[in-house]
Amino acid sequence: MNATDDREQTIPLGRDAEFTGLIRCKRCNLSYTPSKSTSALRLTYCSFLCELGDLGFSMQGLEHMERVKKSDDRPAEPVSAGSE
């Protein structure tokens, strides 16, 4: 056996295991690891910015959004546009 045979045997079989879980971002088409994504939709977008850019809003922002109550500032009588 020579030195190259020894090196080939000592290389772990799962050294590329982290690359097998890569998926592609729906927006930018880059490969990424879902566990390192900053997006709430980790299996769809590689980052918060891609999620925001594609949807126009972020899921986390939508979860924390509060509904604004409508104020009742309407006039009591209908306003006529014609004669005075």
N, C-alpha and C. Protein backbone atom coordinates (compact mmCIF):
# COMPACT_ATOMS: atom_id res chain seq x y z
N MET A 1 0.84 -1.19 0.00
CA MET A 1 0.00 0.00 0.00
C MET A 1 0.87 1.24 0.00
N ASN A 2 0.49 2.21 -0.78
CA ASN A 2 1.24 3.46 -0.78
C ASN A 2 0.47 4.53 0.00
N ALA A 3 1.00 5.75 0.07
CA ALA A 3 0.43 6.83 0.89
C ALA A 3 -0.95 7.27 0.38
N THR A 4 -1.16 7.22 -0.92
CA THR A 4 -2.45 7.66 -1.45
C THR A 4 -3.56 6.70 -1.07
N ASP A 5 -3.26 5.43 -0.99
CA ASP A 5 -4.27 4.45 -0.58
C ASP A 5 -4.70 4.67 0.86
N ASP A 6 -3.74 5.05 1.73
CA ASP A 6 -4.06 5.30 3.14
C ASP A 6 -4.97 6.53 3.28
N ARG A 7 -4.70 7.58 2.52
CA ARG A 7 -5.52 8.79 2.59
C ARG A 7 -6.94 8.53 2.12
N GLU A 8 -7.10 7.75 1.09
CA GLU A 8 -8.43 7.46 0.58
C GLU A 8 -9.26 6.68 1.59
N GLN A 9 -8.62 5.86 2.38
CA GLN A 9 -9.34 5.06 3.37
C GLN A 9 -9.71 5.88 4.60
N THR A 10 -8.97 6.94 4.91
CA THR A 10 -9.25 7.72 6.11
C THR A 10 -10.27 8.83 5.88
N ILE A 11 -10.63 9.08 4.65
CA ILE A 11 -11.65 10.11 4.37
C ILE A 11 -13.00 9.59 4.82
N PRO A 12 -13.69 10.34 5.68
CA PRO A 12 -15.00 9.87 6.14
C PRO A 12 -16.00 9.76 5.00
N LEU A 13 -16.83 8.74 5.07
CA LEU A 13 -17.80 8.51 4.01
C LEU A 13 -18.85 9.61 3.92
N GLY A 14 -19.20 10.25 5.04
CA GLY A 14 -20.25 11.25 5.05
C GLY A 14 -19.74 12.68 4.95
N ARG A 15 -18.59 12.90 4.38
CA ARG A 15 -18.01 14.24 4.34
C ARG A 15 -18.85 15.22 3.50
N ASP A 16 -19.63 14.73 2.57
CA ASP A 16 -20.49 15.59 1.76
C ASP A 16 -21.94 15.57 2.23
N ALA A 17 -22.16 15.08 3.43
CA ALA A 17 -23.52 14.92 3.94
C ALA A 17 -24.23 16.27 4.05
N GLU A 18 -23.50 17.33 4.39
CA GLU A 18 -24.14 18.64 4.53
C GLU A 18 -24.63 19.18 3.19
N PHE A 19 -24.07 18.72 2.08
CA PHE A 19 -24.49 19.21 0.77
C PHE A 19 -25.69 18.45 0.21
N THR A 20 -26.00 17.32 0.78
CA THR A 20 -27.14 16.56 0.27
C THR A 20 -28.47 17.20 0.66
N GLY A 21 -28.47 18.04 1.71
CA GLY A 21 -29.71 18.68 2.16
C GLY A 21 -29.95 20.03 1.53
N LEU A 22 -29.15 20.43 0.56
CA LEU A 22 -29.32 21.73 -0.06
C LEU A 22 -30.54 21.75 -0.97
N ILE A 23 -31.28 22.82 -0.88
CA ILE A 23 -32.41 23.03 -1.79
C ILE A 23 -32.25 24.41 -2.42
N ARG A 24 -33.05 24.71 -3.41
CA ARG A 24 -32.93 25.99 -4.12
C ARG A 24 -34.02 26.96 -3.69
N CYS A 25 -33.62 28.21 -3.55
CA CYS A 25 -34.53 29.28 -3.17
C CYS A 25 -35.51 29.55 -4.31
N LYS A 26 -36.78 29.75 -3.97
CA LYS A 26 -37.81 29.99 -4.97
C LYS A 26 -37.58 31.32 -5.71
N ARG A 27 -37.02 32.30 -5.02
CA ARG A 27 -36.84 33.61 -5.64
C ARG A 27 -35.52 33.75 -6.40
N CYS A 28 -34.39 33.48 -5.72
CA CYS A 28 -33.08 33.73 -6.35
C CYS A 28 -32.43 32.49 -6.94
N ASN A 29 -33.02 31.31 -6.71
CA ASN A 29 -32.56 30.04 -7.26
C ASN A 29 -31.17 29.61 -6.77
N LEU A 30 -30.71 30.15 -5.65
CA LEU A 30 -29.43 29.73 -5.08
C LEU A 30 -29.65 28.53 -4.17
N SER A 31 -28.64 27.66 -4.10
CA SER A 31 -28.71 26.53 -3.17
C SER A 31 -28.44 27.03 -1.77
N TYR A 32 -29.17 26.49 -0.79
CA TYR A 32 -28.97 26.88 0.60
C TYR A 32 -29.36 25.74 1.52
N THR A 33 -28.91 25.84 2.76
CA THR A 33 -29.26 24.88 3.79
C THR A 33 -30.44 25.43 4.56
N PRO A 34 -31.55 24.74 4.62
CA PRO A 34 -32.75 25.25 5.30
C PRO A 34 -32.51 25.62 6.76
N SER A 35 -31.64 24.92 7.44
CA SER A 35 -31.39 25.22 8.85
C SER A 35 -30.70 26.56 9.05
N LYS A 36 -30.08 27.09 8.00
CA LYS A 36 -29.40 28.38 8.12
C LYS A 36 -30.18 29.52 7.49
N SER A 37 -31.37 29.26 7.02
CA SER A 37 -32.21 30.28 6.41
C SER A 37 -32.76 31.22 7.47
N THR A 38 -32.83 32.51 7.16
CA THR A 38 -33.41 33.49 8.08
C THR A 38 -34.89 33.72 7.80
N SER A 39 -35.43 33.03 6.83
CA SER A 39 -36.83 33.16 6.46
C SER A 39 -37.72 32.32 7.37
N ALA A 40 -38.95 32.76 7.57
CA ALA A 40 -39.92 31.95 8.31
C ALA A 40 -40.33 30.74 7.48
N LEU A 41 -40.28 30.87 6.18
CA LEU A 41 -40.59 29.77 5.26
C LEU A 41 -39.27 29.15 4.79
N ARG A 42 -38.59 28.45 5.69
CA ARG A 42 -37.23 27.96 5.45
C ARG A 42 -37.10 27.01 4.28
N LEU A 43 -38.14 26.28 3.95
CA LEU A 43 -38.05 25.33 2.85
C LEU A 43 -38.36 25.96 1.50
N THR A 44 -38.66 27.26 1.50
CA THR A 44 -38.99 27.95 0.26
C THR A 44 -37.98 29.04 -0.08
N TYR A 45 -37.53 29.81 0.93
CA TYR A 45 -36.65 30.96 0.70
C TYR A 45 -35.36 30.84 1.50
N CYS A 46 -34.27 31.33 0.90
CA CYS A 46 -32.96 31.25 1.56
C CYS A 46 -32.78 32.32 2.62
N SER A 47 -33.53 33.41 2.53
CA SER A 47 -33.36 34.49 3.50
C SER A 47 -34.65 35.28 3.67
N PHE A 48 -34.64 36.10 4.70
CA PHE A 48 -35.75 36.99 4.99
C PHE A 48 -35.99 37.93 3.81
N LEU A 49 -34.91 38.40 3.19
CA LEU A 49 -35.04 39.35 2.08
C LEU A 49 -35.71 38.72 0.85
N CYS A 50 -35.41 37.47 0.56
CA CYS A 50 -36.07 36.79 -0.57
C CYS A 50 -37.55 36.58 -0.27
N GLU A 51 -37.87 36.24 0.97
CA GLU A 51 -39.26 36.06 1.37
C GLU A 51 -40.02 37.38 1.23
N LEU A 52 -39.43 38.45 1.73
CA LEU A 52 -40.05 39.77 1.65
C LEU A 52 -40.20 40.23 0.21
N GLY A 53 -39.17 40.02 -0.60
CA GLY A 53 -39.21 40.44 -1.99
C GLY A 53 -40.21 39.67 -2.83
N ASP A 54 -40.38 38.40 -2.55
CA ASP A 54 -41.27 37.57 -3.35
C ASP A 54 -42.73 37.74 -2.94
N LEU A 55 -42.98 37.81 -1.63
CA LEU A 55 -44.35 37.89 -1.15
C LEU A 55 -44.84 39.33 -0.99
N GLY A 56 -43.93 40.27 -0.79
CA GLY A 56 -44.32 41.65 -0.53
C GLY A 56 -44.51 41.90 0.96
N PHE A 57 -44.41 40.87 1.76
CA PHE A 57 -44.49 40.96 3.22
C PHE A 57 -43.78 39.73 3.78
N SER A 58 -43.48 39.76 5.07
CA SER A 58 -42.87 38.59 5.69
C SER A 58 -43.89 37.89 6.57
N MET A 59 -43.72 36.61 6.75
CA MET A 59 -44.65 35.85 7.58
C MET A 59 -44.57 36.31 9.03
N GLN A 60 -43.38 36.62 9.53
CA GLN A 60 -43.25 37.08 10.91
C GLN A 60 -43.91 38.44 11.10
N GLY A 61 -43.78 39.32 10.12
CA GLY A 61 -44.45 40.61 10.18
C GLY A 61 -45.96 40.44 10.18
N LEU A 62 -46.43 39.51 9.40
CA LEU A 62 -47.87 39.24 9.33
C LEU A 62 -48.39 38.67 10.65
N GLU A 63 -47.59 37.84 11.31
CA GLU A 63 -48.00 37.27 12.59
C GLU A 63 -48.12 38.33 13.68
N HIS A 64 -47.29 39.35 13.64
CA HIS A 64 -47.28 40.38 14.67
C HIS A 64 -48.11 41.60 14.32
N MET A 65 -48.72 41.57 13.16
CA MET A 65 -49.52 42.71 12.71
C MET A 65 -50.79 42.81 13.55
N GLU A 66 -51.17 44.03 13.91
CA GLU A 66 -52.41 44.26 14.65
C GLU A 66 -53.39 45.02 13.77
N ARG A 67 -54.62 44.67 13.90
CA ARG A 67 -55.66 45.30 13.10
C ARG A 67 -55.97 46.69 13.66
N VAL A 68 -56.05 47.67 12.78
CA VAL A 68 -56.37 49.04 13.18
C VAL A 68 -57.88 49.19 13.16
N LYS A 69 -58.42 49.69 14.28
CA LYS A 69 -59.86 49.88 14.35
C LYS A 69 -60.25 51.10 13.53
N LYS A 70 -61.34 50.98 12.80
CA LYS A 70 -61.83 52.09 11.99
C LYS A 70 -62.51 53.10 12.91
N SER A 71 -62.22 54.36 12.68
CA SER A 71 -62.88 55.39 13.47
C SER A 71 -64.20 55.77 12.79
N ASP A 72 -65.16 56.15 13.58
CA ASP A 72 -66.49 56.49 13.06
C ASP A 72 -66.58 58.01 12.90
N ASP A 73 -65.86 58.57 11.93
CA ASP A 73 -65.83 60.02 11.69
C ASP A 73 -66.73 60.42 10.53
N ARG A 74 -67.72 59.62 10.23
CA ARG A 74 -68.62 59.96 9.14
C ARG A 74 -69.61 61.04 9.57
N PRO A 75 -69.98 61.90 8.66
CA PRO A 75 -71.01 62.90 9.01
C PRO A 75 -72.34 62.23 9.28
N ALA A 76 -73.13 62.85 10.15
CA ALA A 76 -74.45 62.30 10.53
C ALA A 76 -75.43 62.33 9.38
N GLU A 77 -75.39 63.38 8.56
CA GLU A 77 -76.30 63.52 7.42
C GLU A 77 -75.51 63.40 6.12
N PRO A 78 -76.12 62.85 5.09
CA PRO A 78 -75.44 62.79 3.80
C PRO A 78 -75.22 64.20 3.25
N VAL A 79 -74.09 64.40 2.63
CA VAL A 79 -73.77 65.70 2.06
C VAL A 79 -74.24 65.70 0.63
N SER A 80 -75.03 66.72 0.26
CA SER A 80 -75.50 66.82 -1.11
C SER A 80 -74.52 67.65 -1.93
N ALA A 81 -74.35 67.29 -3.16
CA ALA A 81 -73.39 67.96 -4.01
C ALA A 81 -74.02 69.07 -4.83
N GLY A 82 -75.32 69.21 -4.80
CA GLY A 82 -76.00 70.12 -5.71
C GLY A 82 -76.39 71.46 -5.11
N SER A 83 -77.66 71.73 -5.07
CA SER A 83 -78.21 73.06 -4.74
C SER A 83 -78.01 73.43 -3.27
N GLU A 84 -77.95 74.76 -3.09
CA GLU A 84 -77.84 75.32 -1.75
C GLU A 84 -79.04 76.16 -1.44
